[in-house]
Protein backbone atom coordinates (compact mmCIF):
# COMPACT_ATOMS: atom_id res chain seq x y z
CA MET A 1 11.65 65.50 342.73
CA LYS A 2 11.86 61.53 343.05
CA LYS A 3 13.96 60.09 340.47
CA THR A 4 11.94 58.02 337.79
CA ILE A 5 14.06 54.87 336.89
CA ILE A 6 13.50 53.01 333.77
CA GLY A 7 15.43 49.81 332.44
CA ILE A 8 15.91 49.10 328.95
CA THR A 9 16.75 45.67 327.55
CA VAL A 10 18.26 45.39 324.21
CA VAL A 11 18.60 41.99 322.45
CA GLY A 12 19.39 41.20 318.66
CA LYS A 13 21.98 40.50 316.23
CA ASP A 14 25.56 41.82 316.93
CA ARG A 15 26.85 44.61 314.95
CA GLU A 16 28.81 47.99 315.47
CA GLY A 17 26.90 51.14 316.41
CA ILE A 18 24.18 49.82 318.77
CA VAL A 19 25.34 50.81 321.90
CA ALA A 20 26.17 54.42 320.52
CA THR A 21 22.70 54.35 318.94
CA PHE A 22 20.61 53.75 322.49
CA THR A 23 23.05 55.64 324.49
CA ASN A 24 22.77 58.75 322.37
CA PHE A 25 18.80 58.27 322.48
CA VAL A 26 18.32 58.16 326.21
CA PHE A 27 20.91 61.32 326.65
CA GLN A 28 18.83 63.15 324.13
CA LYS A 29 15.94 62.30 326.22
CA GLY A 30 17.42 64.15 329.11
CA SER A 31 18.18 60.95 331.17
CA ASN A 32 21.29 60.03 333.27
CA ILE A 33 22.62 56.39 333.01
CA GLU A 34 22.54 54.91 336.40
CA LYS A 35 23.60 51.34 334.79
CA VAL A 36 25.00 49.60 331.82
CA ASN A 37 25.87 46.12 330.98
CA GLN A 38 26.38 44.48 327.75
CA ASN A 39 27.21 40.97 326.34
CA VAL A 40 28.00 39.37 323.04
CA MET A 41 27.69 35.53 322.91
CA LYS A 42 27.71 33.64 319.45
CA GLY A 43 26.95 36.26 317.61
CA LEU A 44 23.95 37.51 319.97
CA PHE A 45 23.98 40.96 321.47
CA GLY A 46 22.37 41.86 324.86
CA MET A 47 22.24 45.16 326.77
CA TYR A 48 20.67 46.51 329.80
CA LEU A 49 20.63 50.26 330.47
CA GLU A 50 19.14 51.81 333.60
CA VAL A 51 18.19 55.35 333.13
CA SER A 52 17.20 57.89 335.49
CA PHE A 53 14.80 61.27 334.84
CA THR A 54 14.81 63.93 337.59
CA LYS A 55 11.91 65.77 335.45
CA SER A 56 8.75 64.50 334.71
CA ILE A 57 8.30 62.13 331.71
CA ASN A 58 5.64 60.63 329.65
CA VAL A 59 6.98 56.98 330.10
CA LYS A 60 4.31 55.83 327.17
CA LYS A 61 5.94 58.49 324.72
CA PHE A 62 9.60 57.46 325.46
CA ASP A 63 8.84 53.98 325.14
CA SER A 64 7.04 54.78 321.74
CA ASP A 65 10.08 56.71 320.42
CA LEU A 66 12.41 53.73 321.74
CA GLN A 67 10.28 51.29 319.73
CA LYS A 68 11.12 53.33 316.67
CA ILE A 69 14.77 53.25 317.13
CA ALA A 70 14.62 49.60 317.74
CA LYS A 71 12.67 48.85 314.41
CA LYS A 72 15.03 50.69 312.37
CA GLN A 73 18.01 48.91 314.02
CA ARG A 74 16.43 45.46 314.00
CA MET A 75 16.59 45.10 317.68
CA GLU A 76 14.21 43.77 320.06
CA VAL A 77 13.67 46.25 322.69
CA SER A 78 11.44 46.54 326.10
CA ILE A 79 11.38 48.77 329.09
CA HIS A 80 10.72 48.42 332.61
CA HIS A 81 9.95 50.90 335.16
CA GLU A 82 8.73 50.88 338.95
CA LEU A 83 5.55 53.08 338.36
CA SER A 84 3.04 49.91 338.84
CA ALA A 85 2.61 49.34 342.57
CA GLN A 86 2.14 45.58 342.09
CA LYS A 87 4.33 43.87 340.44
CA LYS A 88 3.15 40.74 338.13
CA ILE A 89 4.78 37.40 338.74
CA ALA A 90 5.41 34.36 336.48
CA ILE A 91 6.57 30.96 338.05
CA PHE A 92 8.12 28.44 335.89
CA VAL A 93 7.92 25.03 337.14
CA THR A 94 8.76 21.15 335.88
CA LYS A 95 7.23 18.77 338.32
CA GLU A 96 8.43 19.32 341.95
CA ALA A 97 5.76 20.83 344.02
CA HIS A 98 7.36 22.00 347.20
CA CYS A 99 8.55 25.58 346.07
CA LEU A 100 5.39 26.25 344.24
CA GLU A 101 3.13 25.24 347.12
CA THR A 102 4.94 27.23 349.51
CA ILE A 103 4.67 30.48 347.38
CA LEU A 104 1.03 29.93 346.63
CA LYS A 105 0.46 29.47 350.59
CA SER A 106 1.98 32.98 351.08
CA LYS A 107 0.19 34.88 347.72
CA LYS A 108 -1.82 36.99 349.85
CA SER A 109 1.51 38.55 351.84
CA LEU A 110 3.46 39.06 348.59
CA LYS A 111 3.55 42.52 347.19
CA GLY A 112 2.64 41.29 343.68
CA LYS A 113 0.25 39.38 341.96
CA ILE A 114 1.08 35.76 340.46
CA SER A 115 -0.46 36.09 337.16
CA VAL A 116 0.68 32.79 335.44
CA ILE A 117 2.49 29.55 335.96
CA VAL A 118 4.22 28.11 333.24
CA GLY A 119 4.75 24.60 333.12
CA THR A 120 7.08 22.39 330.85
CA GLU A 121 4.84 19.38 332.31
CA LYS A 122 1.25 18.88 333.03
CA THR A 123 2.19 17.50 336.76
CA LEU A 124 1.49 20.71 338.51
CA SER A 125 -1.57 21.99 336.34
CA THR A 126 -4.03 21.09 339.14
CA THR A 127 -2.17 22.87 341.84
CA ALA A 128 -2.42 26.13 339.66
CA LYS A 129 -6.30 25.32 339.11
CA LYS A 130 -6.76 25.07 342.95
CA ALA A 131 -5.07 28.25 342.98
CA LYS A 132 -7.21 30.04 340.48
CA ILE A 133 -4.03 30.83 338.60
CA PRO A 134 -3.57 30.46 334.94
CA PHE A 135 -1.55 27.46 333.65
CA VAL A 136 0.39 27.70 330.66
CA LEU A 137 2.11 24.34 329.15
CA VAL A 138 5.08 24.45 327.02
CA GLN A 139 6.36 21.30 326.07
CA GLU A 140 8.68 22.15 323.47
CA ARG A 141 11.84 19.87 323.47
CA SER A 142 13.79 22.50 321.69
CA GLN A 143 15.05 25.28 324.29
CA ASP A 144 14.99 28.02 321.70
CA LYS A 145 11.44 27.03 320.63
CA ALA A 146 10.00 27.03 324.11
CA GLU A 147 11.76 30.12 324.73
CA LYS A 148 9.97 31.79 322.28
CA SER A 149 6.43 30.83 323.79
CA PHE A 150 7.89 32.03 327.36
CA ILE A 151 8.72 35.53 325.92
CA LYS A 152 5.27 35.63 324.37
CA ILE A 153 3.53 34.61 327.56
CA CYS A 154 5.56 37.11 329.86
CA LYS A 155 4.52 40.05 327.10
CA LYS A 156 1.00 38.80 327.59
CA TYR A 157 0.81 38.95 331.22
CA ASP A 158 3.38 42.08 331.52
CA ILE A 159 5.54 40.41 333.63
CA ASP A 160 7.98 41.82 336.11
CA LEU A 161 9.30 39.01 337.70
CA ILE A 162 10.14 35.35 336.91
CA VAL A 163 10.46 32.89 339.92
CA LEU A 164 12.09 29.60 338.75
CA ALA A 165 10.32 27.15 341.38
CA ARG A 166 12.51 24.18 340.39
CA TYR A 167 12.15 24.45 336.77
CA MET A 168 14.58 22.02 335.56
CA ARG A 169 15.90 23.45 332.27
CA ILE A 170 18.69 25.93 331.32
CA LEU A 171 17.63 29.36 330.15
CA THR A 172 19.44 30.85 327.10
CA PRO A 173 20.97 34.20 326.92
CA ASN A 174 18.57 35.38 324.60
CA PHE A 175 15.75 35.11 327.29
CA VAL A 176 17.88 35.80 330.21
CA TRP A 177 19.23 38.97 328.99
CA ARG A 178 15.51 40.13 328.52
CA TYR A 179 14.90 39.96 332.44
CA PRO A 180 18.11 41.41 334.03
CA GLU A 181 17.99 40.99 337.62
CA ARG A 182 14.23 39.97 337.46
CA ILE A 183 14.77 36.11 337.14
CA ILE A 184 15.25 34.32 340.80
CA ASN A 185 16.42 30.43 341.02
CA ILE A 186 16.62 28.55 343.76
CA HIS A 187 19.68 25.97 343.95
CA PRO A 188 20.31 23.13 346.33
CA SER A 189 23.87 24.07 347.60
CA LEU A 190 25.85 26.90 349.16
CA LEU A 191 26.70 28.32 346.01
CA PRO A 192 29.52 28.64 344.37
CA ALA A 193 29.99 24.84 345.59
CA PHE A 194 28.18 22.07 343.67
CA PRO A 195 26.51 23.91 340.80
CA GLY A 196 24.50 21.88 338.46
CA ALA A 197 21.60 19.43 338.69
CA LEU A 198 23.23 17.06 341.40
CA ALA A 199 24.22 19.10 344.11
CA TYR A 200 22.46 16.98 346.96
CA ALA A 201 24.18 13.90 345.77
CA GLN A 202 27.53 15.67 345.42
CA ALA A 203 27.43 16.93 348.59
CA TYR A 204 26.29 13.61 350.14
CA GLU A 205 29.56 11.86 348.25
CA ARG A 206 31.75 14.44 349.54
CA GLY A 207 30.78 13.78 353.28
CA THR A 208 29.72 17.53 353.64
CA LYS A 209 28.59 18.32 357.30
CA ILE A 210 26.54 21.44 356.39
CA ILE A 211 24.51 21.62 353.28
CA GLY A 212 22.69 24.78 352.12
CA VAL A 213 20.61 26.37 349.60
CA THR A 214 20.97 29.48 347.64
CA ALA A 215 18.60 31.74 345.98
CA HIS A 216 20.06 33.92 343.22
CA TYR A 217 19.53 36.01 340.34
CA VAL A 218 19.77 34.29 336.94
CA THR A 219 22.79 35.27 334.62
CA GLU A 220 23.69 33.48 331.30
CA ASN A 221 26.27 31.64 333.36
CA LEU A 222 24.64 28.60 335.22
CA ASP A 223 24.15 29.25 338.97
CA GLN A 224 26.66 32.04 339.01
CA GLY A 225 24.27 35.03 339.48
CA PRO A 226 24.31 37.46 342.40
CA ILE A 227 23.36 35.69 345.49
CA ILE A 228 20.28 36.70 347.10
CA PHE A 229 19.96 34.78 350.19
CA GLN A 230 21.39 31.40 351.34
CA ASP A 231 20.42 29.13 354.44
CA SER A 232 21.69 25.94 355.66
CA PHE A 233 21.14 22.77 357.69
CA LYS A 234 23.31 20.30 359.52
CA VAL A 235 23.95 16.89 358.05
CA ASP A 236 24.16 13.83 360.72
CA PRO A 237 26.54 11.06 359.57
CA ASN A 238 23.58 8.83 359.64
CA ASP A 239 21.50 10.64 357.18
CA THR A 240 20.78 9.11 353.81
CA ILE A 241 20.66 10.95 350.56
CA ASP A 242 16.52 10.99 351.05
CA ASP A 243 16.87 12.27 354.51
CA ILE A 244 19.01 15.25 352.97
CA GLY A 245 16.80 15.64 349.73
CA ARG A 246 13.72 16.24 352.62
CA CYS A 247 15.45 18.69 354.55
CA GLY A 248 16.81 20.22 351.44
CA GLN A 249 13.18 20.78 349.62
CA LYS A 250 12.14 22.40 352.88
CA LEU A 251 14.78 24.84 353.12
CA GLU A 252 14.69 25.54 349.27
CA ALA A 253 10.87 26.92 349.38
CA LEU A 254 11.37 28.85 352.37
CA THR A 255 14.59 30.19 351.27
CA LEU A 256 13.05 31.07 347.65
CA LEU A 257 10.05 32.86 349.22
CA LYS A 258 12.18 34.88 351.39
CA ALA A 259 14.19 36.08 348.19
CA VAL A 260 11.17 36.59 346.22
CA LYS A 261 9.66 38.64 349.04
CA MET A 262 12.81 40.80 349.32
CA HIS A 263 12.89 41.69 345.60
CA LEU A 264 8.88 42.65 345.60
CA GLU A 265 9.48 44.62 348.62
CA ASN A 266 12.28 46.67 346.46
CA LYS A 267 14.84 45.63 349.24
CA LEU A 268 17.86 44.57 347.05
CA ASP A 269 20.20 46.44 344.80
CA VAL A 270 22.97 44.70 342.82
CA ARG A 271 26.16 46.18 342.29
CA TRP A 272 29.37 44.74 340.88
CA ARG A 273 27.76 41.20 340.76
CA LYS A 274 26.74 41.53 344.59
CA VAL A 275 23.48 41.83 345.96
CA HIS A 276 23.21 44.92 348.66
CA ILE A 277 20.08 44.82 351.09
CA LYS A 278 18.83 48.51 350.86
CA SER A 279 18.90 50.35 354.55
CA LYS A 280 15.50 51.76 353.77
């Protein structure tokens, strides 16, 4: 029988006994732990458990029992499983349109549904409207408050994958830990070189002869997540920073789209912070 894989995220205030409580729970349910990762940052605890079942399991009952444990432990817990054939996607944007537009043009070829577009500005609301996709504006200046809205939105639309299409704010661990290996970002450099917001300017100033882009999973460490796919273009000595920006934006969009498709087609596996391409 094919294994049923369930991912479990646990987020809340750090204290003793949390790991034991949830690992004992899944063992009692007859599962095998495939992956486990835990982090603590400034008193915030985050854990991801990936468990497998070789026998038939009632996922709703499993989740219901898990939520009882979560309530008792005062932790926020959610599960993610692959029973749904069509994954639901949320695209986070700010004001640059190139990545969003490229993904929208290819939405029919995606093995998933773009359920919502979340913007920190109104700039791209018209683009969403033309595509007949709900656009939710979150203008909170406080990132903590903004992320409370993001969490509600993602729960409302039952989101499986979050795509950062030039979303220009830094997500905190409180949000990132809830979607392990399910947030994809595009960065304008061949990471780990030139992290941060001014990658093209840094590359231009250093006289880099090849400039690239990197699609990667998002972790709590800025631009340090597992790399999914990279591509590059050559720089002519006479190219201006604007020339580089135009070439880069086109490549950003195509690279992000490719990474999203690979994820949706279940071709990616993360082991030891590296992304491996599945053979089948």
